[in-house]
Structures are given as C-alpha cells and as structure tokens.
C-alpha cells in the first residue's frame, strides 16, 4: 500500500513514516506543502493520503478538494492538531474519509489508514459522539457556521497573508476573497480585517 504523508513538521513526518513503513506492506513518501503534495499525488498515485490541515499556502481542506478533482476516488485521512468536531465535520464535507488528531494514540492513525484503504471511513469515537450529540457546544463556537473554504481563508488571514496571496493559494479571484472576507466579518461579528486575524489566532487556526 502506498501512503502519502503531507505535513510540514519533519518530526511528525518521520514518526508517521517510521510507524507506517514498519508494517511491512506500506510504502510511505512525504511532502511538506500542498503544491508538492498534489504533484506527487498525481505522479505516484498513492492508495491513501494523510494530510495535515495547517500547511504552508493552501490548507489540507483545499488540498483535499484538489486531490478529489484529479481522482474522485481518492482516499484521504486528515491528521490534525485540532480536536474540535467542527474541523472534523468540515474535513468530511471537503471529501476526507477519515479524521485523526495528533494528540491521540499514534496507532489510531494506522487504524484509520487501514480502514479507509479498505473502503471504509474513520472518525474517532469521542469526536463522532461530540458531532452527534454536542450541538450546544458546536453552536457556541463562532466557527460553526463557516464552510471549509471560509475556514481556509480565515486561516490564511491569521497567518498574515494578503488577499492577493490568499487568492493565489486557493485559486480564486481577488474579488471572491474580498467578498468572502466581508461575509466572514458579518458571520463572526468582526469590524475590521485585524479582528479576523485575532479570531483566527484565538481559534488556533493560525
């Protein structure tokens, strides 16, 4: 089985590659950003892609969408520091078939890879339960009403990217980004672009 690991943290990549390759039937390769990952995905055609959300440039959400445009059967597991169920929900909406957090037992990632490779889906039970039953907490989160694309743009704002840079990263027009920023301000009760940056940082997006 071929597994593509997409993460810009060498320690994470090394640990994941070591664990997966130790299985004997898994070959792992890695990429540190969305552009490199997409090129390798197209060339190498992995069975599974394990993708971090926070990548340089385009996020894991955007990369997931691009991979699925190239191959609608692509099997993608999001591997993230964020254990908020809203991010798991947005990952699923983007087309991922699994969501694992980096704070959990590393072998959950191996389990997710196996289950998704077999045609299944994988979501950690505690996240699944929170998605199903913790509606009040979800509604209290200011990010609950945002789409995965809106989260992507908010994340890039939090990292200090200009609207032109964001437009290039997510492959849309400057006008689309400007309109989305206006919509984000309304949804999040922000008055200025700096308010959006602050919210992104407070919500651990940046």
C-alpha atoms as a PDB file:
ATOM      1  CA  UNK A   1       0.000   0.000   0.000  1.00  0.00           C
ATOM      2  CA  UNK A   2       1.275   3.469  -0.902  1.00  0.00           C
ATOM      3  CA  UNK A   3       0.719   6.230   1.666  1.00  0.00           C
ATOM      4  CA  UNK A   4       1.469   9.892   1.015  1.00  0.00           C
ATOM      5  CA  UNK A   5       2.102  11.919   4.197  1.00  0.00           C
ATOM      6  CA  UNK A   6       1.537  15.664   3.804  1.00  0.00           C
ATOM      7  CA  UNK A   7       2.867  17.667   6.748  1.00  0.00           C
ATOM      8  CA  UNK A   8       5.412  20.456   7.151  1.00  0.00           C
ATOM      9  CA  UNK A   9       6.760  19.252  10.513  1.00  0.00           C
ATOM     10  CA  UNK A  10       9.744  16.906   9.985  1.00  0.00           C
ATOM     11  CA  UNK A  11       9.327  15.201  13.376  1.00  0.00           C
ATOM     12  CA  UNK A  12       5.686  14.355  12.618  1.00  0.00           C
ATOM     13  CA  UNK A  13       6.583  13.109   9.143  1.00  0.00           C
ATOM     14  CA  UNK A  14       9.455  10.996  10.460  1.00  0.00           C
ATOM     15  CA  UNK A  15       7.314   9.429  13.180  1.00  0.00           C
ATOM     16  CA  UNK A  16       4.424   8.656  10.838  1.00  0.00           C
ATOM     17  CA  UNK A  17       6.678   7.264   8.121  1.00  0.00           C
ATOM     18  CA  UNK A  18       8.509   5.053  10.617  1.00  0.00           C
ATOM     19  CA  UNK A  19       5.283   3.669  12.069  1.00  0.00           C
ATOM     20  CA  UNK A  20       3.638   3.045   8.698  1.00  0.00           C
ATOM     21  CA  UNK A  21       6.721   1.620   6.982  1.00  0.00           C
ATOM     22  CA  UNK A  22       7.218  -0.697   9.937  1.00  0.00           C
ATOM     23  CA  UNK A  23       4.078  -2.537   8.863  1.00  0.00           C
ATOM     24  CA  UNK A  24       5.944  -4.187   6.017  1.00  0.00           C
ATOM     25  CA  UNK A  25       3.199  -3.800   3.424  1.00  0.00           C
ATOM     26  CA  UNK A  26       3.200   0.022   3.467  1.00  0.00           C
ATOM     27  CA  UNK A  27       5.464   2.315   1.457  1.00  0.00           C
ATOM     28  CA  UNK A  28       5.416   5.925   2.662  1.00  0.00           C
ATOM     29  CA  UNK A  29       6.503   9.113   0.929  1.00  0.00           C
ATOM     30  CA  UNK A  30       6.036  12.690   2.083  1.00  0.00           C
ATOM     31  CA  UNK A  31       5.527  16.286   1.003  1.00  0.00           C
ATOM     32  CA  UNK A  32       5.671  19.485   3.046  1.00  0.00           C
ATOM     33  CA  UNK A  33       3.176  21.678   1.195  1.00  0.00           C
ATOM     34  CA  UNK A  34       0.048  21.415  -0.927  1.00  0.00           C
ATOM     35  CA  UNK A  35       1.665  22.113  -4.308  1.00  0.00           C
ATOM     36  CA  UNK A  36       4.388  19.488  -3.861  1.00  0.00           C
ATOM     37  CA  UNK A  37       1.862  17.049  -2.443  1.00  0.00           C
ATOM     38  CA  UNK A  38      -0.522  17.423  -5.368  1.00  0.00           C
ATOM     39  CA  UNK A  39       2.261  16.871  -7.900  1.00  0.00           C
ATOM     40  CA  UNK A  40       3.396  13.742  -6.040  1.00  0.00           C
ATOM     41  CA  UNK A  41      -0.203  12.563  -5.714  1.00  0.00           C
ATOM     42  CA  UNK A  42      -0.708  12.797  -9.477  1.00  0.00           C
ATOM     43  CA  UNK A  43       2.650  11.181 -10.295  1.00  0.00           C
ATOM     44  CA  UNK A  44       2.830   8.456  -7.623  1.00  0.00           C
ATOM     45  CA  UNK A  45      -0.902   7.685  -7.237  1.00  0.00           C
ATOM     46  CA  UNK A  46      -0.903   6.685  -3.547  1.00  0.00           C
ATOM     47  CA  UNK A  47      -3.626   4.481  -2.109  1.00  0.00           C
ATOM     48  CA  UNK A  48      -4.057   6.837   0.862  1.00  0.00           C
ATOM     49  CA  UNK A  49      -3.097  10.449   1.546  1.00  0.00           C
ATOM     50  CA  UNK A  50      -2.609  11.514   5.176  1.00  0.00           C
ATOM     51  CA  UNK A  51      -2.992  15.293   5.198  1.00  0.00           C
ATOM     52  CA  UNK A  52      -2.450  17.959   7.856  1.00  0.00           C
ATOM     53  CA  UNK A  53      -4.847  20.932   7.841  1.00  0.00           C
ATOM     54  CA  UNK A  54      -2.263  23.646   8.518  1.00  0.00           C
ATOM     55  CA  UNK A  55       0.131  23.626   5.586  1.00  0.00           C
ATOM     56  CA  UNK A  56       2.187  26.411   4.008  1.00  0.00           C
ATOM     57  CA  UNK A  57      -0.004  28.075   1.379  1.00  0.00           C
ATOM     58  CA  UNK A  58      -3.160  26.100   0.658  1.00  0.00           C
ATOM     59  CA  UNK A  59      -4.564  24.131   3.597  1.00  0.00           C
ATOM     60  CA  UNK A  60      -5.374  20.461   3.915  1.00  0.00           C
ATOM     61  CA  UNK A  61      -9.015  21.255   3.133  1.00  0.00           C
ATOM     62  CA  UNK A  62      -8.061  22.860  -0.173  1.00  0.00           C
ATOM     63  CA  UNK A  63      -5.579  20.080  -0.967  1.00  0.00           C
ATOM     64  CA  UNK A  64      -8.297  17.503  -0.319  1.00  0.00           C
ATOM     65  CA  UNK A  65     -10.566  19.214  -2.831  1.00  0.00           C
ATOM     66  CA  UNK A  66      -7.780  19.382  -5.426  1.00  0.00           C
ATOM     67  CA  UNK A  67      -6.898  15.709  -4.992  1.00  0.00           C
ATOM     68  CA  UNK A  68     -10.533  14.743  -5.443  1.00  0.00           C
ATOM     69  CA  UNK A  69     -10.737  16.822  -8.614  1.00  0.00           C
ATOM     70  CA  UNK A  70      -7.878  14.728 -10.013  1.00  0.00           C
ATOM     71  CA  UNK A  71      -9.286  11.460  -8.689  1.00  0.00           C
ATOM     72  CA  UNK A  72     -12.820  11.328  -7.332  1.00  0.00           C
ATOM     73  CA  UNK A  73     -11.976   8.007  -5.642  1.00  0.00           C
ATOM     74  CA  UNK A  74      -9.043   9.498  -3.687  1.00  0.00           C
ATOM     75  CA  UNK A  75      -8.906   8.250  -0.107  1.00  0.00           C
ATOM     76  CA  UNK A  76      -7.799  10.961   2.283  1.00  0.00           C
ATOM     77  CA  UNK A  77      -7.320  10.992   6.057  1.00  0.00           C
ATOM     78  CA  UNK A  78      -6.970  14.370   7.762  1.00  0.00           C
ATOM     79  CA  UNK A  79      -4.341  14.316  10.538  1.00  0.00           C
ATOM     80  CA  UNK A  80      -4.601  17.481  12.631  1.00  0.00           C
ATOM     81  CA  UNK A  81      -3.689  19.114  15.929  1.00  0.00           C
ATOM     82  CA  UNK A  82      -7.259  20.414  16.206  1.00  0.00           C
ATOM     83  CA  UNK A  83      -9.703  18.181  18.082  1.00  0.00           C
ATOM     84  CA  UNK A  84     -12.719  20.469  17.658  1.00  0.00           C
ATOM     85  CA  UNK A  85     -15.511  18.453  15.985  1.00  0.00           C
ATOM     86  CA  UNK A  86     -16.231  21.396  13.686  1.00  0.00           C
ATOM     87  CA  UNK A  87     -12.934  20.735  11.905  1.00  0.00           C
ATOM     88  CA  UNK A  88     -13.768  17.054  11.566  1.00  0.00           C
ATOM     89  CA  UNK A  89     -17.135  17.993  10.066  1.00  0.00           C
ATOM     90  CA  UNK A  90     -15.524  20.380   7.583  1.00  0.00           C
ATOM     91  CA  UNK A  91     -12.938  17.749   6.636  1.00  0.00           C
ATOM     92  CA  UNK A  92     -15.724  15.297   5.840  1.00  0.00           C
ATOM     93  CA  UNK A  93     -17.551  17.977   3.838  1.00  0.00           C
ATOM     94  CA  UNK A  94     -14.356  18.575   1.833  1.00  0.00           C
ATOM     95  CA  UNK A  95     -14.278  14.867   0.961  1.00  0.00           C
ATOM     96  CA  UNK A  96     -11.935  13.288   3.520  1.00  0.00           C
ATOM     97  CA  UNK A  97     -12.829   9.767   4.636  1.00  0.00           C
ATOM     98  CA  UNK A  98     -11.045   9.910   7.973  1.00  0.00           C
ATOM     99  CA  UNK A  99     -10.065  12.356  10.713  1.00  0.00           C
ATOM    100  CA  UNK A 100      -7.443  11.684  13.391  1.00  0.00           C
ATOM    101  CA  UNK A 101      -5.880  14.140  15.827  1.00  0.00           C
ATOM    102  CA  UNK A 102      -2.189  14.276  16.643  1.00  0.00           C
ATOM    103  CA  UNK A 103      -2.982  14.297  20.363  1.00  0.00           C
ATOM    104  CA  UNK A 104      -4.264  10.722  20.320  1.00  0.00           C
ATOM    105  CA  UNK A 105      -2.624   7.308  20.241  1.00  0.00           C
ATOM    106  CA  UNK A 106      -0.448   7.231  17.084  1.00  0.00           C
ATOM    107  CA  UNK A 107      -1.769   3.786  16.257  1.00  0.00           C
ATOM    108  CA  UNK A 108      -5.189   5.330  15.656  1.00  0.00           C
ATOM    109  CA  UNK A 109      -3.648   6.797  12.513  1.00  0.00           C
ATOM    110  CA  UNK A 110      -2.570   3.336  11.392  1.00  0.00           C
ATOM    111  CA  UNK A 111      -6.071   2.049  12.099  1.00  0.00           C
ATOM    112  CA  UNK A 112      -7.572   4.924  10.106  1.00  0.00           C
ATOM    113  CA  UNK A 113      -5.261   4.234   7.154  1.00  0.00           C
ATOM    114  CA  UNK A 114      -6.222   0.550   7.171  1.00  0.00           C
ATOM    115  CA  UNK A 115      -9.955   1.213   7.425  1.00  0.00           C
ATOM    116  CA  UNK A 116     -10.022   3.914   4.761  1.00  0.00           C
ATOM    117  CA  UNK A 117      -7.835   1.806   2.449  1.00  0.00           C
ATOM    118  CA  UNK A 118     -10.389  -0.992   2.811  1.00  0.00           C
ATOM    119  CA  UNK A 119     -13.118   1.353   1.599  1.00  0.00           C
ATOM    120  CA  UNK A 120     -14.413   2.426   4.992  1.00  0.00           C
ATOM    121  CA  UNK A 121     -14.373   5.654   6.950  1.00  0.00           C
ATOM    122  CA  UNK A 122     -12.759   6.508  10.269  1.00  0.00           C
ATOM    123  CA  UNK A 123     -13.691   9.061  12.894  1.00  0.00           C
ATOM    124  CA  UNK A 124     -12.532   8.737  16.485  1.00  0.00           C
ATOM    125  CA  UNK A 125     -15.461   7.733  18.737  1.00  0.00           C
ATOM    126  CA  UNK A 126     -15.177  10.771  21.010  1.00  0.00           C
ATOM    127  CA  UNK A 127     -15.290  13.120  18.018  1.00  0.00           C
ATOM    128  CA  UNK A 128     -18.170  11.192  16.480  1.00  0.00           C
ATOM    129  CA  UNK A 129     -20.106  11.446  19.745  1.00  0.00           C
ATOM    130  CA  UNK A 130     -19.470  15.175  20.014  1.00  0.00           C
ATOM    131  CA  UNK A 131     -20.558  15.702  16.421  1.00  0.00           C
ATOM    132  CA  UNK A 132     -23.738  13.751  17.033  1.00  0.00           C
ATOM    133  CA  UNK A 133     -24.748  14.993  20.469  1.00  0.00           C
ATOM    134  CA  UNK A 134     -22.888  18.154  21.467  1.00  0.00           C
ATOM    135  CA  UNK A 135     -24.982  20.546  19.379  1.00  0.00           C
ATOM    136  CA  UNK A 136     -24.994  23.296  22.018  1.00  0.00           C
ATOM    137  CA  UNK A 137     -21.205  23.476  22.178  1.00  0.00           C
ATOM    138  CA  UNK A 138     -20.967  23.421  18.400  1.00  0.00           C
ATOM    139  CA  UNK A 139     -23.390  26.306  18.038  1.00  0.00           C
ATOM    140  CA  UNK A 140     -21.458  28.289  20.660  1.00  0.00           C
ATOM    141  CA  UNK A 141     -18.296  28.064  18.567  1.00  0.00           C
ATOM    142  CA  UNK A 142     -18.021  31.131  16.302  1.00  0.00           C
ATOM    143  CA  UNK A 143     -16.598  28.916  13.542  1.00  0.00           C
ATOM    144  CA  UNK A 144     -19.642  26.634  13.451  1.00  0.00           C
ATOM    145  CA  UNK A 145     -21.318  28.471  10.575  1.00  0.00           C
ATOM    146  CA  UNK A 146     -18.219  28.650   8.387  1.00  0.00           C
ATOM    147  CA  UNK A 147     -17.655  26.429   5.369  1.00  0.00           C
ATOM    148  CA  UNK A 148     -14.331  24.664   4.845  1.00  0.00           C
ATOM    149  CA  UNK A 149     -13.405  27.310   2.233  1.00  0.00           C
ATOM    150  CA  UNK A 150     -14.225  30.126   4.679  1.00  0.00           C
ATOM    151  CA  UNK A 151     -12.124  28.407   7.356  1.00  0.00           C
ATOM    152  CA  UNK A 152      -9.306  28.168   4.836  1.00  0.00           C
ATOM    153  CA  UNK A 153      -9.422  31.894   4.094  1.00  0.00           C
ATOM    154  CA  UNK A 154      -9.651  32.799   7.784  1.00  0.00           C
ATOM    155  CA  UNK A 155      -6.628  30.582   8.493  1.00  0.00           C
ATOM    156  CA  UNK A 156      -4.560  32.318   5.821  1.00  0.00           C
ATOM    157  CA  UNK A 157      -5.597  35.741   7.126  1.00  0.00           C
ATOM    158  CA  UNK A 158      -4.417  34.646  10.558  1.00  0.00           C
ATOM    159  CA  UNK A 159      -1.045  33.719   9.085  1.00  0.00           C
ATOM    160  CA  UNK A 160      -0.665  37.240   7.722  1.00  0.00           C
ATOM    161  CA  UNK A 161      -1.362  36.514   4.055  1.00  0.00           C
ATOM    162  CA  UNK A 162      -2.675  39.346   1.899  1.00  0.00           C
ATOM    163  CA  UNK A 163      -5.894  38.928  -0.066  1.00  0.00           C
ATOM    164  CA  UNK A 164      -3.856  38.649  -3.268  1.00  0.00           C
ATOM    165  CA  UNK A 165      -1.740  35.874  -1.732  1.00  0.00           C
ATOM    166  CA  UNK A 166      -4.862  34.089  -0.494  1.00  0.00           C
ATOM    167  CA  UNK A 167      -6.462  34.302  -3.942  1.00  0.00           C
ATOM    168  CA  UNK A 168      -3.351  32.693  -5.444  1.00  0.00           C
ATOM    169  CA  UNK A 169      -3.245  29.987  -2.763  1.00  0.00           C
ATOM    170  CA  UNK A 170      -6.855  28.861  -3.172  1.00  0.00           C
ATOM    171  CA  UNK A 171      -7.066  29.502  -6.940  1.00  0.00           C
ATOM    172  CA  UNK A 172      -9.917  32.016  -6.922  1.00  0.00           C
ATOM    173  CA  UNK A 173     -10.181  35.693  -7.861  1.00  0.00           C
ATOM    174  CA  UNK A 174      -9.238  38.615  -5.640  1.00  0.00           C
ATOM    175  CA  UNK A 175     -12.876  39.739  -5.760  1.00  0.00           C
ATOM    176  CA  UNK A 176     -14.028  36.368  -4.407  1.00  0.00           C
ATOM    177  CA  UNK A 177     -11.614  36.680  -1.481  1.00  0.00           C
ATOM    178  CA  UNK A 178     -12.722  40.259  -0.775  1.00  0.00           C
ATOM    179  CA  UNK A 179     -16.375  39.185  -0.798  1.00  0.00           C
ATOM    180  CA  UNK A 180     -15.622  36.223   1.458  1.00  0.00           C
ATOM    181  CA  UNK A 181     -13.789  38.471   3.928  1.00  0.00           C
ATOM    182  CA  UNK A 182     -16.845  40.730   4.083  1.00  0.00           C
ATOM    183  CA  UNK A 183     -19.024  37.685   4.711  1.00  0.00           C
ATOM    184  CA  UNK A 184     -16.629  36.449   7.399  1.00  0.00           C
ATOM    185  CA  UNK A 185     -16.844  39.784   9.189  1.00  0.00           C
ATOM    186  CA  UNK A 186     -20.640  39.560   9.247  1.00  0.00           C
ATOM    187  CA  UNK A 187     -20.688  35.944  10.415  1.00  0.00           C
ATOM    188  CA  UNK A 188     -18.061  36.466  13.115  1.00  0.00           C
ATOM    189  CA  UNK A 189     -19.104  39.927  14.281  1.00  0.00           C
ATOM    190  CA  UNK A 190     -15.770  41.402  13.204  1.00  0.00           C
ATOM    191  CA  UNK A 191     -15.453  45.055  12.260  1.00  0.00           C
ATOM    192  CA  UNK A 192     -12.004  45.099  10.671  1.00  0.00           C
ATOM    193  CA  UNK A 193      -9.607  42.698   8.935  1.00  0.00           C
ATOM    194  CA  UNK A 194      -7.470  42.753  12.088  1.00  0.00           C
ATOM    195  CA  UNK A 195     -10.459  41.421  14.031  1.00  0.00           C
ATOM    196  CA  UNK A 196     -10.498  38.445  11.658  1.00  0.00           C
ATOM    197  CA  UNK A 197      -6.780  37.902  12.254  1.00  0.00           C
ATOM    198  CA  UNK A 198      -7.366  37.977  16.020  1.00  0.00           C
ATOM    199  CA  UNK A 199     -10.214  35.459  15.771  1.00  0.00           C
ATOM    200  CA  UNK A 200      -8.088  33.133  13.634  1.00  0.00           C
ATOM    201  CA  UNK A 201      -5.320  33.209  16.239  1.00  0.00           C
ATOM    202  CA  UNK A 202      -7.717  32.765  19.171  1.00  0.00           C
ATOM    203  CA  UNK A 203      -9.300  29.756  17.458  1.00  0.00           C
ATOM    204  CA  UNK A 204      -5.865  28.203  16.807  1.00  0.00           C
ATOM    205  CA  UNK A 205      -6.254  28.404  13.053  1.00  0.00           C
ATOM    206  CA  UNK A 206      -3.014  30.300  12.526  1.00  0.00           C
END
